[in-house]
N, C-alpha and C. Protein backbone atom coordinates (compact mmCIF):
# COMPACT_ATOMS: atom_id res chain seq x y z
N MET A 1 -33.56 6.69 13.93
CA MET A 1 -34.44 6.99 15.03
C MET A 1 -33.62 7.53 16.19
N SER A 2 -34.08 8.58 16.79
CA SER A 2 -33.37 9.17 17.93
C SER A 2 -33.50 8.28 19.15
N ARG A 3 -32.42 8.14 19.91
CA ARG A 3 -32.44 7.34 21.13
C ARG A 3 -32.49 8.24 22.37
N ARG A 4 -32.70 9.59 22.20
CA ARG A 4 -32.78 10.49 23.34
C ARG A 4 -34.03 10.17 24.14
N MET A 5 -33.89 10.09 25.46
CA MET A 5 -35.00 9.70 26.31
C MET A 5 -35.63 10.90 26.99
N THR A 6 -36.94 10.85 27.12
CA THR A 6 -37.65 11.82 27.95
C THR A 6 -37.40 11.45 29.40
N PRO A 7 -37.63 12.37 30.34
CA PRO A 7 -37.47 12.01 31.76
C PRO A 7 -38.30 10.80 32.15
N PHE A 8 -39.54 10.70 31.62
CA PHE A 8 -40.38 9.55 31.93
C PHE A 8 -39.74 8.26 31.42
N ALA A 9 -39.22 8.30 30.20
CA ALA A 9 -38.60 7.10 29.63
C ALA A 9 -37.38 6.70 30.42
N ALA A 10 -36.59 7.68 30.82
CA ALA A 10 -35.39 7.37 31.61
C ALA A 10 -35.78 6.72 32.93
N LEU A 11 -36.86 7.22 33.54
CA LEU A 11 -37.32 6.63 34.79
C LEU A 11 -37.80 5.20 34.57
N LEU A 12 -38.49 4.95 33.46
CA LEU A 12 -38.96 3.62 33.15
C LEU A 12 -37.79 2.66 32.97
N VAL A 13 -36.80 3.09 32.21
CA VAL A 13 -35.64 2.23 31.98
C VAL A 13 -34.92 1.97 33.30
N PHE A 14 -34.76 3.01 34.10
CA PHE A 14 -34.09 2.82 35.39
C PHE A 14 -34.85 1.82 36.25
N SER A 15 -36.17 1.91 36.25
CA SER A 15 -36.96 1.00 37.08
C SER A 15 -36.85 -0.43 36.59
N LEU A 16 -36.71 -0.61 35.28
CA LEU A 16 -36.57 -1.96 34.73
C LEU A 16 -35.20 -2.55 34.96
N LEU A 17 -34.19 -1.70 34.88
CA LEU A 17 -32.83 -2.21 34.88
C LEU A 17 -32.13 -2.09 36.23
N ALA A 18 -32.74 -1.43 37.18
CA ALA A 18 -32.12 -1.30 38.51
C ALA A 18 -31.99 -2.66 39.16
N ALA A 19 -31.00 -2.81 39.99
CA ALA A 19 -30.80 -4.08 40.69
C ALA A 19 -32.02 -4.39 41.56
N VAL A 20 -32.41 -5.64 41.55
CA VAL A 20 -33.55 -6.07 42.33
C VAL A 20 -33.15 -6.14 43.80
N VAL A 21 -33.98 -5.56 44.68
CA VAL A 21 -33.71 -5.64 46.10
C VAL A 21 -34.00 -7.08 46.53
N SER A 22 -32.97 -7.77 46.96
CA SER A 22 -33.10 -9.18 47.25
C SER A 22 -32.06 -9.57 48.28
N ALA A 23 -32.36 -10.66 48.99
CA ALA A 23 -31.38 -11.20 49.92
C ALA A 23 -30.29 -11.95 49.17
N ASN A 24 -30.50 -12.22 47.89
CA ASN A 24 -29.54 -12.96 47.09
C ASN A 24 -28.48 -12.02 46.52
N GLU A 25 -27.27 -12.53 46.40
CA GLU A 25 -26.17 -11.74 45.84
C GLU A 25 -26.17 -11.87 44.32
N VAL A 26 -26.13 -10.73 43.63
CA VAL A 26 -26.03 -10.72 42.17
C VAL A 26 -24.57 -10.93 41.79
N THR A 27 -24.31 -11.97 41.01
CA THR A 27 -22.93 -12.30 40.64
C THR A 27 -22.59 -11.88 39.22
N TYR A 28 -23.55 -11.99 38.32
CA TYR A 28 -23.35 -11.56 36.93
C TYR A 28 -24.57 -10.75 36.52
N ASP A 29 -24.34 -9.67 35.76
CA ASP A 29 -25.43 -8.76 35.40
C ASP A 29 -25.15 -8.25 33.99
N TRP A 30 -26.04 -8.58 33.04
CA TRP A 30 -25.82 -8.20 31.64
C TRP A 30 -26.98 -7.35 31.14
N SER A 31 -26.69 -6.16 30.68
CA SER A 31 -27.68 -5.30 30.05
C SER A 31 -27.69 -5.59 28.55
N LEU A 32 -28.88 -5.73 27.98
CA LEU A 32 -29.01 -6.01 26.55
C LEU A 32 -29.83 -4.94 25.86
N VAL A 33 -29.70 -3.70 26.33
CA VAL A 33 -30.37 -2.58 25.67
C VAL A 33 -29.38 -1.90 24.72
N HIS A 34 -29.92 -1.16 23.78
CA HIS A 34 -29.10 -0.46 22.79
C HIS A 34 -28.09 0.44 23.49
N GLY A 35 -26.81 0.26 23.19
CA GLY A 35 -25.77 1.11 23.77
C GLY A 35 -25.23 0.64 25.10
N SER A 36 -25.63 -0.55 25.56
CA SER A 36 -25.13 -1.03 26.86
C SER A 36 -23.63 -1.32 26.76
N ASP A 37 -22.95 -1.25 27.91
CA ASP A 37 -21.50 -1.39 27.89
C ASP A 37 -21.02 -2.83 28.05
N ASN A 38 -21.93 -3.78 28.26
CA ASN A 38 -21.48 -5.17 28.33
C ASN A 38 -22.18 -6.06 27.31
N GLY A 39 -22.77 -5.46 26.29
CA GLY A 39 -23.40 -6.23 25.23
C GLY A 39 -22.41 -7.08 24.45
N SER A 40 -21.13 -6.67 24.46
CA SER A 40 -20.11 -7.42 23.71
C SER A 40 -19.89 -8.81 24.29
N GLU A 41 -20.47 -9.08 25.45
CA GLU A 41 -20.35 -10.41 26.06
C GLU A 41 -21.33 -11.40 25.45
N TRP A 42 -22.13 -10.93 24.46
CA TRP A 42 -23.14 -11.78 23.81
C TRP A 42 -22.98 -11.73 22.31
N GLU A 43 -23.33 -12.83 21.65
CA GLU A 43 -23.34 -12.87 20.19
C GLU A 43 -24.65 -13.47 19.71
N LEU A 44 -25.05 -13.03 18.53
CA LEU A 44 -26.29 -13.49 17.91
C LEU A 44 -25.95 -14.64 16.97
N TRP A 45 -26.83 -15.61 16.87
CA TRP A 45 -26.58 -16.72 15.96
C TRP A 45 -27.85 -17.10 15.21
N TYR A 46 -27.62 -17.73 14.04
CA TYR A 46 -28.71 -18.14 13.17
C TYR A 46 -28.33 -19.45 12.50
N ASP A 47 -29.27 -20.38 12.43
CA ASP A 47 -29.13 -21.67 11.75
C ASP A 47 -28.41 -22.68 12.64
N LEU A 48 -28.50 -23.92 12.25
CA LEU A 48 -27.91 -25.01 13.03
C LEU A 48 -26.48 -25.28 12.59
N VAL A 49 -25.68 -25.83 13.51
CA VAL A 49 -24.33 -26.29 13.18
C VAL A 49 -24.47 -27.39 12.14
N PRO A 50 -23.68 -27.47 11.07
CA PRO A 50 -22.45 -26.70 10.83
C PRO A 50 -22.66 -25.43 10.00
N ASN A 51 -23.90 -25.05 9.73
CA ASN A 51 -24.16 -23.88 8.90
C ASN A 51 -24.41 -22.61 9.70
N ARG A 52 -24.18 -22.66 11.00
CA ARG A 52 -24.51 -21.54 11.88
C ARG A 52 -23.70 -20.29 11.51
N LYS A 53 -24.38 -19.15 11.56
CA LYS A 53 -23.75 -17.85 11.29
C LYS A 53 -23.86 -17.00 12.56
N TYR A 54 -22.83 -16.19 12.81
CA TYR A 54 -22.79 -15.37 14.02
C TYR A 54 -22.68 -13.89 13.66
N VAL A 55 -23.26 -13.05 14.52
CA VAL A 55 -23.16 -11.60 14.40
C VAL A 55 -22.87 -11.07 15.81
N THR A 56 -21.97 -10.11 15.92
CA THR A 56 -21.66 -9.56 17.23
C THR A 56 -22.70 -8.53 17.66
N PHE A 57 -22.77 -8.28 18.94
CA PHE A 57 -23.64 -7.25 19.50
C PHE A 57 -23.29 -5.90 18.88
N GLU A 58 -22.00 -5.62 18.72
CA GLU A 58 -21.56 -4.35 18.13
C GLU A 58 -22.02 -4.19 16.69
N ASP A 59 -22.03 -5.29 15.93
CA ASP A 59 -22.54 -5.24 14.56
C ASP A 59 -24.01 -4.83 14.55
N LEU A 60 -24.78 -5.38 15.48
CA LEU A 60 -26.20 -5.04 15.54
C LEU A 60 -26.38 -3.58 15.92
N VAL A 61 -25.59 -3.09 16.87
CA VAL A 61 -25.67 -1.67 17.24
C VAL A 61 -25.38 -0.79 16.03
N ALA A 62 -24.33 -1.15 15.27
CA ALA A 62 -23.94 -0.35 14.10
C ALA A 62 -24.98 -0.38 12.99
N LYS A 63 -25.57 -1.54 12.75
CA LYS A 63 -26.50 -1.70 11.63
C LYS A 63 -27.94 -1.37 11.98
N GLY A 64 -28.29 -1.47 13.25
CA GLY A 64 -29.68 -1.22 13.65
C GLY A 64 -30.53 -2.47 13.60
N THR A 65 -30.48 -3.18 12.49
CA THR A 65 -31.14 -4.47 12.35
C THR A 65 -30.23 -5.39 11.55
N VAL A 66 -30.37 -6.68 11.79
CA VAL A 66 -29.67 -7.70 11.00
C VAL A 66 -30.73 -8.67 10.51
N ILE A 67 -30.81 -8.83 9.18
CA ILE A 67 -31.80 -9.71 8.58
C ILE A 67 -31.05 -10.89 7.96
N PHE A 68 -31.24 -12.08 8.51
CA PHE A 68 -30.57 -13.26 7.98
C PHE A 68 -31.29 -13.80 6.76
N ASP A 69 -32.60 -13.73 6.76
CA ASP A 69 -33.41 -14.07 5.60
C ASP A 69 -34.71 -13.30 5.75
N SER A 70 -35.62 -13.48 4.84
CA SER A 70 -36.84 -12.66 4.87
C SER A 70 -37.69 -12.94 6.11
N ALA A 71 -37.43 -14.06 6.80
CA ALA A 71 -38.26 -14.43 7.94
C ALA A 71 -37.60 -14.16 9.29
N THR A 72 -36.29 -13.92 9.31
CA THR A 72 -35.54 -13.89 10.56
C THR A 72 -34.82 -12.56 10.74
N VAL A 73 -35.12 -11.86 11.84
CA VAL A 73 -34.60 -10.52 12.05
C VAL A 73 -34.13 -10.36 13.50
N PHE A 74 -33.01 -9.66 13.68
CA PHE A 74 -32.55 -9.19 14.98
C PHE A 74 -32.59 -7.67 14.96
N GLY A 75 -32.97 -7.06 16.07
CA GLY A 75 -33.02 -5.60 16.11
C GLY A 75 -33.25 -5.09 17.52
N TRP A 76 -33.81 -3.87 17.62
CA TRP A 76 -34.05 -3.21 18.90
C TRP A 76 -35.52 -2.86 19.01
N THR A 77 -36.12 -3.08 20.17
CA THR A 77 -37.53 -2.72 20.35
C THR A 77 -37.69 -1.22 20.16
N ASP A 78 -38.84 -0.81 19.63
CA ASP A 78 -39.05 0.61 19.32
C ASP A 78 -39.74 1.34 20.46
N ASP A 79 -39.57 0.85 21.69
CA ASP A 79 -40.10 1.53 22.86
C ASP A 79 -38.98 2.22 23.62
N GLU A 80 -39.28 2.75 24.80
CA GLU A 80 -38.28 3.47 25.57
C GLU A 80 -37.13 2.60 26.03
N VAL A 81 -37.36 1.28 26.13
CA VAL A 81 -36.33 0.37 26.62
C VAL A 81 -35.26 0.11 25.56
N ALA A 82 -35.66 -0.02 24.30
CA ALA A 82 -34.74 -0.33 23.20
C ALA A 82 -33.94 -1.59 23.50
N GLY A 83 -34.67 -2.66 23.88
CA GLY A 83 -34.03 -3.93 24.18
C GLY A 83 -33.75 -4.74 22.93
N LEU A 84 -32.81 -5.66 23.03
CA LEU A 84 -32.44 -6.55 21.93
C LEU A 84 -33.57 -7.54 21.67
N TYR A 85 -34.03 -7.63 20.41
CA TYR A 85 -35.04 -8.64 20.08
C TYR A 85 -34.56 -9.51 18.93
N PHE A 86 -35.14 -10.70 18.87
CA PHE A 86 -34.99 -11.53 17.68
C PHE A 86 -36.34 -12.18 17.41
N GLU A 87 -36.61 -12.39 16.12
CA GLU A 87 -37.92 -12.91 15.72
C GLU A 87 -37.82 -13.71 14.44
N THR A 88 -38.80 -14.57 14.25
CA THR A 88 -38.92 -15.29 12.99
C THR A 88 -40.39 -15.59 12.73
N SER A 89 -40.76 -15.62 11.46
CA SER A 89 -42.12 -16.02 11.07
C SER A 89 -42.11 -17.42 10.48
N ASP A 90 -40.96 -18.10 10.51
CA ASP A 90 -40.81 -19.44 9.94
C ASP A 90 -40.37 -20.39 11.06
N ALA A 91 -41.25 -21.31 11.44
CA ALA A 91 -40.96 -22.21 12.56
C ALA A 91 -39.82 -23.18 12.26
N SER A 92 -39.39 -23.28 11.01
CA SER A 92 -38.28 -24.19 10.70
C SER A 92 -36.92 -23.54 10.99
N LYS A 93 -36.91 -22.26 11.33
CA LYS A 93 -35.65 -21.55 11.59
C LYS A 93 -35.19 -21.76 13.04
N SER A 94 -33.88 -21.72 13.23
CA SER A 94 -33.30 -21.76 14.56
C SER A 94 -32.44 -20.52 14.74
N LEU A 95 -32.60 -19.83 15.87
CA LEU A 95 -31.86 -18.60 16.09
C LEU A 95 -31.81 -18.31 17.58
N GLY A 96 -30.95 -17.37 17.96
CA GLY A 96 -30.88 -17.00 19.36
C GLY A 96 -29.65 -16.17 19.66
N ILE A 97 -29.32 -16.08 20.95
CA ILE A 97 -28.12 -15.40 21.40
C ILE A 97 -27.41 -16.31 22.38
N ARG A 98 -26.11 -16.09 22.57
CA ARG A 98 -25.37 -16.90 23.52
C ARG A 98 -24.21 -16.10 24.10
N SER A 99 -23.76 -16.53 25.27
CA SER A 99 -22.61 -15.87 25.89
C SER A 99 -21.37 -16.16 25.07
N VAL A 100 -20.58 -15.13 24.79
CA VAL A 100 -19.33 -15.31 24.05
C VAL A 100 -18.38 -16.18 24.87
N ASN A 101 -18.32 -15.90 26.16
CA ASN A 101 -17.49 -16.69 27.06
C ASN A 101 -18.19 -18.01 27.35
N ARG A 102 -17.58 -19.11 26.93
CA ARG A 102 -18.16 -20.42 27.16
C ARG A 102 -17.64 -21.05 28.45
N THR A 103 -16.81 -20.30 29.19
CA THR A 103 -16.27 -20.80 30.46
C THR A 103 -16.39 -19.71 31.53
N ILE A 104 -17.62 -19.29 31.82
CA ILE A 104 -17.88 -18.30 32.86
C ILE A 104 -17.68 -18.98 34.21
N PRO A 105 -16.87 -18.42 35.11
CA PRO A 105 -16.65 -19.07 36.41
C PRO A 105 -17.96 -19.25 37.20
N TYR A 106 -18.17 -20.45 37.70
CA TYR A 106 -19.34 -20.74 38.52
C TYR A 106 -19.03 -20.43 39.98
N ASN A 107 -19.88 -19.57 40.59
CA ASN A 107 -19.66 -19.12 41.96
C ASN A 107 -20.80 -19.51 42.89
N GLY A 108 -21.49 -20.59 42.58
CA GLY A 108 -22.61 -21.01 43.40
C GLY A 108 -23.93 -20.38 43.01
N GLU A 109 -24.05 -19.91 41.77
CA GLU A 109 -25.30 -19.28 41.32
C GLU A 109 -26.46 -20.26 41.44
N ARG A 110 -27.59 -19.75 41.94
CA ARG A 110 -28.78 -20.58 42.12
C ARG A 110 -29.98 -20.11 41.31
N PHE A 111 -29.91 -18.87 40.80
CA PHE A 111 -31.05 -18.33 40.07
C PHE A 111 -30.60 -17.60 38.80
N PHE A 112 -31.37 -17.79 37.73
CA PHE A 112 -31.24 -17.00 36.51
C PHE A 112 -32.47 -16.11 36.45
N LYS A 113 -32.25 -14.80 36.22
CA LYS A 113 -33.37 -13.86 36.12
C LYS A 113 -33.22 -13.02 34.87
N ALA A 114 -34.34 -12.59 34.32
CA ALA A 114 -34.30 -11.79 33.10
C ALA A 114 -35.53 -10.91 33.00
N ILE A 115 -35.37 -9.75 32.36
CA ILE A 115 -36.49 -8.88 32.01
C ILE A 115 -36.73 -9.06 30.52
N ILE A 116 -37.92 -9.59 30.19
CA ILE A 116 -38.22 -10.08 28.84
C ILE A 116 -39.56 -9.53 28.37
N LYS A 117 -39.65 -9.32 27.07
CA LYS A 117 -40.91 -8.94 26.43
C LYS A 117 -41.22 -9.96 25.33
N LEU A 118 -42.47 -10.42 25.24
CA LEU A 118 -42.87 -11.42 24.27
C LEU A 118 -43.95 -10.86 23.35
N GLU A 119 -43.85 -11.20 22.07
CA GLU A 119 -44.87 -10.80 21.11
C GLU A 119 -45.27 -11.99 20.26
N ASP A 120 -46.47 -12.50 20.50
CA ASP A 120 -47.07 -13.58 19.72
C ASP A 120 -46.09 -14.75 19.52
N LEU A 121 -45.48 -15.16 20.61
CA LEU A 121 -44.50 -16.24 20.55
C LEU A 121 -45.24 -17.57 20.68
N GLN A 122 -45.14 -18.41 19.64
CA GLN A 122 -45.89 -19.65 19.60
C GLN A 122 -44.97 -20.80 19.22
N GLY A 123 -45.13 -21.92 19.94
CA GLY A 123 -44.35 -23.10 19.62
C GLY A 123 -44.55 -24.16 20.67
N PRO A 124 -44.01 -25.35 20.45
CA PRO A 124 -44.16 -26.43 21.42
C PRO A 124 -43.38 -26.14 22.70
N SER A 125 -43.94 -26.50 23.83
CA SER A 125 -43.29 -26.31 25.14
C SER A 125 -42.89 -24.86 25.36
N GLY A 126 -43.81 -23.95 25.07
CA GLY A 126 -43.48 -22.53 25.16
C GLY A 126 -43.00 -22.04 23.82
N GLY A 127 -42.25 -20.97 23.80
CA GLY A 127 -41.77 -20.42 22.55
C GLY A 127 -40.26 -20.43 22.43
N PHE A 128 -39.57 -20.08 23.50
CA PHE A 128 -38.11 -20.08 23.46
C PHE A 128 -37.60 -20.71 24.76
N HIS A 129 -36.32 -21.02 24.77
CA HIS A 129 -35.72 -21.68 25.93
C HIS A 129 -34.42 -20.97 26.30
N VAL A 130 -34.18 -20.83 27.58
CA VAL A 130 -32.87 -20.45 28.09
C VAL A 130 -32.19 -21.73 28.54
N GLU A 131 -30.96 -21.92 28.09
CA GLU A 131 -30.21 -23.11 28.47
C GLU A 131 -28.91 -22.68 29.15
N VAL A 132 -28.62 -23.28 30.29
CA VAL A 132 -27.36 -23.04 31.00
C VAL A 132 -26.57 -24.34 30.95
N TYR A 133 -25.37 -24.28 30.37
CA TYR A 133 -24.52 -25.45 30.17
C TYR A 133 -23.42 -25.46 31.24
N TYR A 134 -23.18 -26.62 31.83
CA TYR A 134 -22.23 -26.73 32.93
C TYR A 134 -21.01 -27.58 32.54
N TYR A 135 -19.83 -27.14 33.03
CA TYR A 135 -18.58 -27.82 32.70
C TYR A 135 -17.74 -28.04 33.96
N ALA A 136 -17.00 -29.14 33.96
CA ALA A 136 -16.07 -29.44 35.05
C ALA A 136 -14.80 -28.63 34.89
N GLN A 137 -13.93 -28.67 35.89
CA GLN A 137 -12.68 -27.91 35.85
C GLN A 137 -11.81 -28.32 34.66
N ASN A 138 -11.87 -29.59 34.26
CA ASN A 138 -11.07 -30.06 33.12
C ASN A 138 -11.73 -29.76 31.78
N GLY A 139 -12.87 -29.07 31.79
CA GLY A 139 -13.55 -28.68 30.56
C GLY A 139 -14.59 -29.66 30.07
N SER A 140 -14.74 -30.80 30.73
CA SER A 140 -15.72 -31.79 30.28
C SER A 140 -17.14 -31.31 30.57
N TYR A 141 -18.04 -31.65 29.66
CA TYR A 141 -19.43 -31.23 29.75
C TYR A 141 -20.16 -32.08 30.79
N LEU A 142 -20.88 -31.41 31.72
CA LEU A 142 -21.57 -32.12 32.79
C LEU A 142 -23.08 -32.21 32.59
N GLY A 143 -23.65 -31.31 31.79
CA GLY A 143 -25.10 -31.30 31.60
C GLY A 143 -25.61 -29.88 31.48
N LYS A 144 -26.94 -29.74 31.46
CA LYS A 144 -27.53 -28.41 31.29
C LYS A 144 -28.85 -28.31 32.02
N ASN A 145 -29.26 -27.07 32.27
CA ASN A 145 -30.61 -26.76 32.72
C ASN A 145 -31.33 -26.11 31.55
N ASP A 146 -32.50 -26.63 31.19
CA ASP A 146 -33.35 -26.05 30.16
C ASP A 146 -34.46 -25.32 30.90
N ILE A 147 -34.40 -23.99 30.91
CA ILE A 147 -35.28 -23.20 31.77
C ILE A 147 -36.03 -22.14 30.97
N LEU A 148 -37.04 -21.57 31.59
CA LEU A 148 -37.82 -20.46 31.01
C LEU A 148 -38.39 -20.79 29.63
N ALA A 149 -39.03 -21.92 29.51
CA ALA A 149 -39.72 -22.26 28.26
C ALA A 149 -41.07 -21.56 28.29
N ILE A 150 -41.12 -20.34 27.74
CA ILE A 150 -42.34 -19.53 27.81
C ILE A 150 -42.71 -19.01 26.44
N GLY A 151 -43.98 -18.67 26.29
CA GLY A 151 -44.46 -18.14 25.02
C GLY A 151 -45.62 -17.19 25.26
N GLY A 152 -46.30 -16.84 24.17
CA GLY A 152 -47.44 -15.93 24.26
C GLY A 152 -47.05 -14.49 24.01
N THR A 153 -47.81 -13.57 24.58
CA THR A 153 -47.56 -12.14 24.46
C THR A 153 -47.56 -11.54 25.87
N ALA A 154 -46.53 -10.78 26.18
CA ALA A 154 -46.44 -10.13 27.49
C ALA A 154 -45.53 -8.93 27.39
N ASP A 155 -45.89 -7.85 28.07
CA ASP A 155 -45.04 -6.66 28.12
C ASP A 155 -43.83 -6.98 28.99
N TRP A 156 -42.91 -6.03 29.09
CA TRP A 156 -41.69 -6.22 29.87
C TRP A 156 -42.02 -6.70 31.28
N GLN A 157 -41.44 -7.81 31.68
CA GLN A 157 -41.59 -8.29 33.04
C GLN A 157 -40.42 -9.19 33.42
N GLU A 158 -40.27 -9.39 34.71
CA GLU A 158 -39.17 -10.20 35.23
C GLU A 158 -39.58 -11.66 35.31
N TYR A 159 -38.67 -12.53 34.89
CA TYR A 159 -38.85 -13.97 34.99
C TYR A 159 -37.70 -14.54 35.82
N THR A 160 -37.98 -15.58 36.59
CA THR A 160 -36.98 -16.21 37.44
C THR A 160 -37.00 -17.71 37.23
N ALA A 161 -35.82 -18.32 37.18
CA ALA A 161 -35.70 -19.77 37.10
C ALA A 161 -34.63 -20.23 38.07
N GLU A 162 -34.90 -21.34 38.75
CA GLU A 162 -33.92 -21.90 39.68
C GLU A 162 -32.96 -22.81 38.92
N LEU A 163 -31.68 -22.70 39.24
CA LEU A 163 -30.65 -23.52 38.60
C LEU A 163 -30.34 -24.74 39.45
N THR A 164 -30.03 -25.85 38.77
CA THR A 164 -29.65 -27.08 39.46
C THR A 164 -28.36 -27.62 38.82
N PRO A 165 -27.23 -26.97 39.08
CA PRO A 165 -25.98 -27.41 38.46
C PRO A 165 -25.52 -28.76 39.01
N PRO A 166 -24.91 -29.59 38.17
CA PRO A 166 -24.40 -30.89 38.64
C PRO A 166 -23.23 -30.69 39.60
N ALA A 167 -22.98 -31.69 40.42
CA ALA A 167 -21.82 -31.66 41.30
C ALA A 167 -20.56 -31.56 40.46
N GLY A 168 -19.60 -30.78 40.94
CA GLY A 168 -18.34 -30.63 40.22
C GLY A 168 -18.32 -29.52 39.19
N THR A 169 -19.42 -28.73 39.13
CA THR A 169 -19.46 -27.63 38.17
C THR A 169 -18.40 -26.58 38.50
N SER A 170 -17.62 -26.22 37.47
CA SER A 170 -16.58 -25.20 37.63
C SER A 170 -16.88 -23.96 36.80
N THR A 171 -17.44 -24.16 35.59
CA THR A 171 -17.76 -23.05 34.71
C THR A 171 -19.12 -23.32 34.05
N PHE A 172 -19.66 -22.27 33.43
CA PHE A 172 -20.93 -22.43 32.73
C PHE A 172 -20.98 -21.49 31.53
N ALA A 173 -21.96 -21.71 30.67
CA ALA A 173 -22.25 -20.84 29.53
C ALA A 173 -23.76 -20.74 29.41
N VAL A 174 -24.25 -19.68 28.75
CA VAL A 174 -25.68 -19.45 28.62
C VAL A 174 -26.04 -19.33 27.15
N GLY A 175 -27.15 -19.94 26.77
CA GLY A 175 -27.67 -19.82 25.42
C GLY A 175 -29.17 -19.62 25.44
N ILE A 176 -29.67 -18.78 24.54
CA ILE A 176 -31.11 -18.56 24.40
C ILE A 176 -31.49 -19.02 23.00
N LEU A 177 -32.44 -19.93 22.92
CA LEU A 177 -32.77 -20.63 21.68
C LEU A 177 -34.23 -20.40 21.32
N LEU A 178 -34.47 -20.04 20.07
CA LEU A 178 -35.82 -19.98 19.51
C LEU A 178 -35.84 -20.95 18.33
N ALA A 179 -36.55 -22.06 18.49
CA ALA A 179 -36.60 -23.08 17.44
C ALA A 179 -37.99 -23.71 17.42
N ASN A 180 -38.43 -24.15 16.25
CA ASN A 180 -39.76 -24.75 16.09
C ASN A 180 -40.84 -23.80 16.59
N SER A 181 -40.59 -22.51 16.48
CA SER A 181 -41.51 -21.51 17.02
C SER A 181 -41.53 -20.28 16.11
N THR A 182 -42.54 -19.46 16.28
CA THR A 182 -42.61 -18.18 15.58
C THR A 182 -42.92 -17.09 16.59
N GLY A 183 -42.60 -15.84 16.22
CA GLY A 183 -42.86 -14.70 17.09
C GLY A 183 -41.59 -13.97 17.44
N ARG A 184 -41.71 -13.10 18.45
CA ARG A 184 -40.59 -12.24 18.85
C ARG A 184 -40.35 -12.34 20.35
N VAL A 185 -39.08 -12.38 20.74
CA VAL A 185 -38.69 -12.30 22.13
C VAL A 185 -37.64 -11.21 22.26
N ALA A 186 -37.76 -10.37 23.30
CA ALA A 186 -36.83 -9.26 23.52
C ALA A 186 -36.30 -9.31 24.95
N PHE A 187 -35.04 -8.91 25.10
CA PHE A 187 -34.38 -8.91 26.40
C PHE A 187 -33.89 -7.51 26.72
N ALA A 188 -34.09 -7.08 27.98
CA ALA A 188 -33.52 -5.82 28.45
C ALA A 188 -32.34 -6.09 29.38
N ARG A 189 -32.46 -7.14 30.17
CA ARG A 189 -31.43 -7.44 31.16
C ARG A 189 -31.51 -8.90 31.56
N MET A 190 -30.35 -9.52 31.83
CA MET A 190 -30.27 -10.86 32.40
C MET A 190 -29.27 -10.82 33.53
N TRP A 191 -29.52 -11.59 34.59
CA TRP A 191 -28.55 -11.62 35.68
C TRP A 191 -28.64 -12.95 36.43
N MET A 192 -27.59 -13.24 37.19
CA MET A 192 -27.50 -14.46 37.97
C MET A 192 -27.37 -14.09 39.44
N GLU A 193 -27.97 -14.90 40.31
CA GLU A 193 -27.89 -14.67 41.75
C GLU A 193 -27.52 -15.95 42.47
N LYS A 194 -26.92 -15.78 43.62
CA LYS A 194 -26.66 -16.95 44.47
C LYS A 194 -27.15 -16.69 45.89
């Protein structure tokens, strides 16, 4: 499939991915569209530990789609955005994406924001979860925020969640989990603000 954009499509993508005008400072900004230059900061995963399997963002770009089993697929949306999606038709499957860097420096971030598209996402407490894990300077685990538990069907839109890191947080990591649910979730961009 050709990825060449019409002027209208380019304008749409620009409007979705442009920095949000805000009084908050953007500290981290990750594009998850096909061909983005910081997609390598994320990896795809399938199944629970100790059987978990990983695929790099670059592998997905090269292959177009990655099928772990007949029910679980990672790929790119077929619209002008060409965002990263993952889906399953089997609620017993666990899958998602996570930051490769498990020790991202914490700079006082207070908000997690993302541009997300949902397709028939069904499950308990929403459909998928974004989890932010917090660590002390010595590497000890301090806790997590379980945010953006959403489901249903929605076109591309921005979602915002407030972060509540524990005292003493030095670094963090991000994970997106789809478990006990069915449907598709797609990401165009995620960013952090303080």
